[in-house]
Amino acid sequence: MFLVTTAPVADAFDTVSRLYPDKIVVQISTDGLCTVGGTILATQQQPKTQT
């Protein structure tokens, strides 16, 4: 599947990758979630930021 990447999306990906260097960060399409609702579930389990 082809994912459209905009500058803000690329910036967010880079930021998350930088904040969690020991994690594998992947970009997924949430289009299917948007059609039936529930996009909040896609971001519910974000790891806690280390300070």
N, C-alpha and C. Protein backbone atom coordinates (compact mmCIF):
# COMPACT_ATOMS: atom_id res chain seq x y z
N MET A 1 0.84 -1.18 0.00
CA MET A 1 0.00 0.00 0.00
C MET A 1 0.88 1.24 0.00
N PHE A 2 0.52 2.21 -0.79
CA PHE A 2 1.27 3.47 -0.86
C PHE A 2 0.75 4.44 0.18
N LEU A 3 1.63 4.98 0.99
CA LEU A 3 1.24 5.96 2.01
C LEU A 3 1.67 7.35 1.56
N VAL A 4 0.75 8.28 1.63
CA VAL A 4 1.05 9.66 1.28
C VAL A 4 1.77 10.30 2.46
N THR A 5 2.93 10.87 2.21
CA THR A 5 3.70 11.51 3.27
C THR A 5 3.79 13.00 2.99
N THR A 6 3.30 13.78 3.93
CA THR A 6 3.40 15.23 3.83
C THR A 6 4.53 15.68 4.75
N ALA A 7 4.92 16.93 4.63
CA ALA A 7 6.00 17.44 5.48
C ALA A 7 5.68 17.29 6.97
N PRO A 8 4.47 17.64 7.42
CA PRO A 8 4.17 17.45 8.86
C PRO A 8 4.23 15.99 9.29
N VAL A 9 3.78 15.09 8.42
CA VAL A 9 3.83 13.67 8.76
C VAL A 9 5.28 13.20 8.85
N ALA A 10 6.09 13.63 7.90
CA ALA A 10 7.52 13.27 7.92
C ALA A 10 8.20 13.84 9.17
N ASP A 11 7.86 15.07 9.53
CA ASP A 11 8.43 15.68 10.74
C ASP A 11 8.03 14.90 11.99
N ALA A 12 6.76 14.50 12.06
CA ALA A 12 6.30 13.73 13.21
C ALA A 12 7.00 12.38 13.29
N PHE A 13 7.15 11.73 12.15
CA PHE A 13 7.86 10.44 12.09
C PHE A 13 9.30 10.61 12.58
N ASP A 14 9.97 11.64 12.11
CA ASP A 14 11.35 11.90 12.51
C ASP A 14 11.45 12.18 14.01
N THR A 15 10.49 12.95 14.53
CA THR A 15 10.49 13.29 15.96
C THR A 15 10.31 12.04 16.82
N VAL A 16 9.31 11.22 16.47
CA VAL A 16 9.07 10.00 17.25
C VAL A 16 10.27 9.06 17.15
N SER A 17 10.84 8.94 15.97
CA SER A 17 12.03 8.09 15.79
C SER A 17 13.19 8.58 16.65
N ARG A 18 13.36 9.89 16.73
CA ARG A 18 14.44 10.47 17.52
C ARG A 18 14.19 10.28 19.02
N LEU A 19 12.92 10.42 19.45
CA LEU A 19 12.60 10.29 20.87
C LEU A 19 12.68 8.86 21.38
N TYR A 20 12.49 7.90 20.48
CA TYR A 20 12.49 6.50 20.86
C TYR A 20 13.47 5.72 19.97
N PRO A 21 14.77 5.98 20.12
CA PRO A 21 15.77 5.35 19.23
C PRO A 21 15.84 3.83 19.38
N ASP A 22 15.38 3.30 20.50
CA ASP A 22 15.42 1.85 20.70
C ASP A 22 14.16 1.15 20.20
N LYS A 23 13.24 1.91 19.61
CA LYS A 23 11.98 1.36 19.09
C LYS A 23 11.98 1.40 17.56
N ILE A 24 11.21 0.52 16.97
CA ILE A 24 11.00 0.54 15.53
C ILE A 24 9.74 1.35 15.28
N VAL A 25 9.86 2.43 14.55
CA VAL A 25 8.73 3.31 14.27
C VAL A 25 8.26 3.02 12.85
N VAL A 26 6.96 2.75 12.70
CA VAL A 26 6.40 2.49 11.38
C VAL A 26 5.22 3.41 11.13
N GLN A 27 5.05 3.77 9.88
CA GLN A 27 3.92 4.59 9.47
C GLN A 27 2.85 3.65 8.94
N ILE A 28 1.62 3.80 9.44
CA ILE A 28 0.53 2.97 8.96
C ILE A 28 -0.60 3.85 8.46
N SER A 29 -1.40 3.31 7.59
CA SER A 29 -2.58 4.02 7.11
C SER A 29 -3.73 3.79 8.08
N THR A 30 -4.39 4.85 8.48
CA THR A 30 -5.56 4.74 9.36
C THR A 30 -6.85 5.00 8.60
N ASP A 31 -6.79 4.96 7.27
CA ASP A 31 -7.97 5.24 6.46
C ASP A 31 -9.13 4.30 6.82
N GLY A 32 -8.84 3.05 7.04
CA GLY A 32 -9.88 2.10 7.41
C GLY A 32 -10.54 2.43 8.73
N LEU A 33 -9.76 2.94 9.67
CA LEU A 33 -10.33 3.34 10.96
C LEU A 33 -11.22 4.55 10.82
N CYS A 34 -10.85 5.45 9.93
CA CYS A 34 -11.62 6.69 9.75
C CYS A 34 -13.01 6.42 9.19
N THR A 35 -13.15 5.39 8.40
CA THR A 35 -14.45 5.12 7.79
C THR A 35 -15.47 4.61 8.80
N VAL A 36 -15.01 4.00 9.88
CA VAL A 36 -15.93 3.48 10.89
C VAL A 36 -15.72 4.13 12.26
N GLY A 37 -14.88 5.14 12.31
CA GLY A 37 -14.59 5.80 13.59
C GLY A 37 -13.50 5.07 14.33
N GLY A 38 -13.01 5.66 15.38
CA GLY A 38 -12.05 4.99 16.22
C GLY A 38 -10.60 5.37 16.01
N THR A 39 -10.32 6.52 15.40
CA THR A 39 -8.92 6.88 15.19
C THR A 39 -8.20 7.15 16.50
N ILE A 40 -8.92 7.43 17.57
CA ILE A 40 -8.27 7.64 18.87
C ILE A 40 -7.55 6.36 19.30
N LEU A 41 -8.03 5.22 18.88
CA LEU A 41 -7.38 3.96 19.24
C LEU A 41 -6.01 3.82 18.60
N ALA A 42 -5.81 4.46 17.47
CA ALA A 42 -4.53 4.37 16.78
C ALA A 42 -3.41 5.05 17.56
N THR A 43 -3.75 6.00 18.41
CA THR A 43 -2.73 6.74 19.15
C THR A 43 -2.83 6.51 20.66
N GLN A 44 -3.68 5.61 21.09
CA GLN A 44 -3.92 5.41 22.51
C GLN A 44 -2.72 4.86 23.26
N GLN A 45 -1.92 4.02 22.65
CA GLN A 45 -0.86 3.31 23.35
C GLN A 45 0.53 3.88 23.08
N GLN A 46 0.65 5.18 23.01
CA GLN A 46 1.96 5.77 22.80
C GLN A 46 2.80 5.62 24.06
N PRO A 47 4.08 5.29 23.90
CA PRO A 47 4.94 5.13 25.08
C PRO A 47 5.19 6.46 25.78
N LYS A 48 5.46 6.39 27.06
CA LYS A 48 5.74 7.58 27.85
C LYS A 48 7.09 8.16 27.45
N THR A 49 7.16 9.49 27.33
CA THR A 49 8.39 10.17 26.98
C THR A 49 9.35 10.13 28.16
N GLN A 50 10.59 9.78 27.88
CA GLN A 50 11.61 9.77 28.94
C GLN A 50 12.15 11.19 29.11
N THR A 51 12.27 11.62 30.35
CA THR A 51 12.81 12.97 30.62
C THR A 51 14.11 12.90 31.34
